[in-house]
């Protein structure tokens, strides 16, 4: 588990989002986020991002 700000930064970096878009990533309380980081030349991707239902 980690702070929402760290999750925002990791998602934004993985998806190569511009800096001004980082705060547009919603990270609700108890959110689960899964990133896939592949070895080169693979591309990283967001697999799952969801808060409590």
Protein backbone atom coordinates (compact mmCIF):
# COMPACT_ATOMS: atom_id res chain seq x y z
CA UNK A 1 0.00 0.00 0.00
CA UNK A 2 1.14 3.53 -0.67
CA UNK A 3 -0.03 7.13 -0.78
CA UNK A 4 -2.27 8.32 -3.63
CA UNK A 5 0.34 10.84 -4.78
CA UNK A 6 2.85 8.06 -5.39
CA UNK A 7 0.24 6.06 -7.31
CA UNK A 8 -0.56 9.12 -9.46
CA UNK A 9 3.12 9.59 -10.28
CA UNK A 10 3.63 5.92 -11.18
CA UNK A 11 0.53 5.81 -13.39
CA UNK A 12 1.45 9.09 -15.09
CA UNK A 13 5.03 7.97 -15.70
CA UNK A 14 3.93 4.56 -16.99
CA UNK A 15 1.40 6.08 -19.39
CA UNK A 16 3.78 8.93 -20.33
CA UNK A 17 1.24 11.56 -19.33
CA UNK A 18 2.23 15.24 -19.32
CA UNK A 19 2.97 16.74 -15.89
CA UNK A 20 -0.16 18.89 -15.93
CA UNK A 21 -2.35 15.78 -16.25
CA UNK A 22 -1.08 14.05 -13.09
CA UNK A 23 -3.78 15.55 -10.86
CA UNK A 24 -6.46 14.30 -13.26
CA UNK A 25 -5.75 10.72 -12.17
CA UNK A 26 -8.28 9.90 -9.47
CA UNK A 27 -6.99 7.67 -6.70
CA UNK A 28 -9.85 6.94 -4.30
CA UNK A 29 -9.34 5.54 -0.82
CA UNK A 30 -8.35 1.85 -0.85
CA UNK A 31 -7.77 1.93 -4.62
CA UNK A 32 -6.12 -1.06 -6.29
CA UNK A 33 -3.75 -0.30 -9.14
CA UNK A 34 -1.81 -2.81 -11.21
CA UNK A 35 0.86 -1.78 -13.69
CA UNK A 36 2.62 -4.10 -16.14
CA UNK A 37 6.25 -3.24 -16.73
CA UNK A 38 7.80 -5.36 -19.47
CA UNK A 39 11.42 -5.71 -20.43
CA UNK A 40 12.49 -3.71 -23.48
CA UNK A 41 11.23 -3.44 -26.15
CA UNK A 42 7.88 -4.06 -24.44
CA UNK A 43 5.73 -1.11 -23.42
CA UNK A 44 4.45 -0.54 -19.88
CA UNK A 45 0.69 -0.52 -19.41
CA UNK A 46 -2.05 0.10 -16.87
CA UNK A 47 -3.72 -3.25 -16.19
CA UNK A 48 -6.16 -2.34 -13.43
CA UNK A 49 -7.17 0.78 -11.50
CA UNK A 50 -10.26 0.72 -9.30
CA UNK A 51 -11.43 2.02 -5.95
CA UNK A 52 -13.85 0.42 -3.53
CA UNK A 53 -17.25 -0.45 -4.92
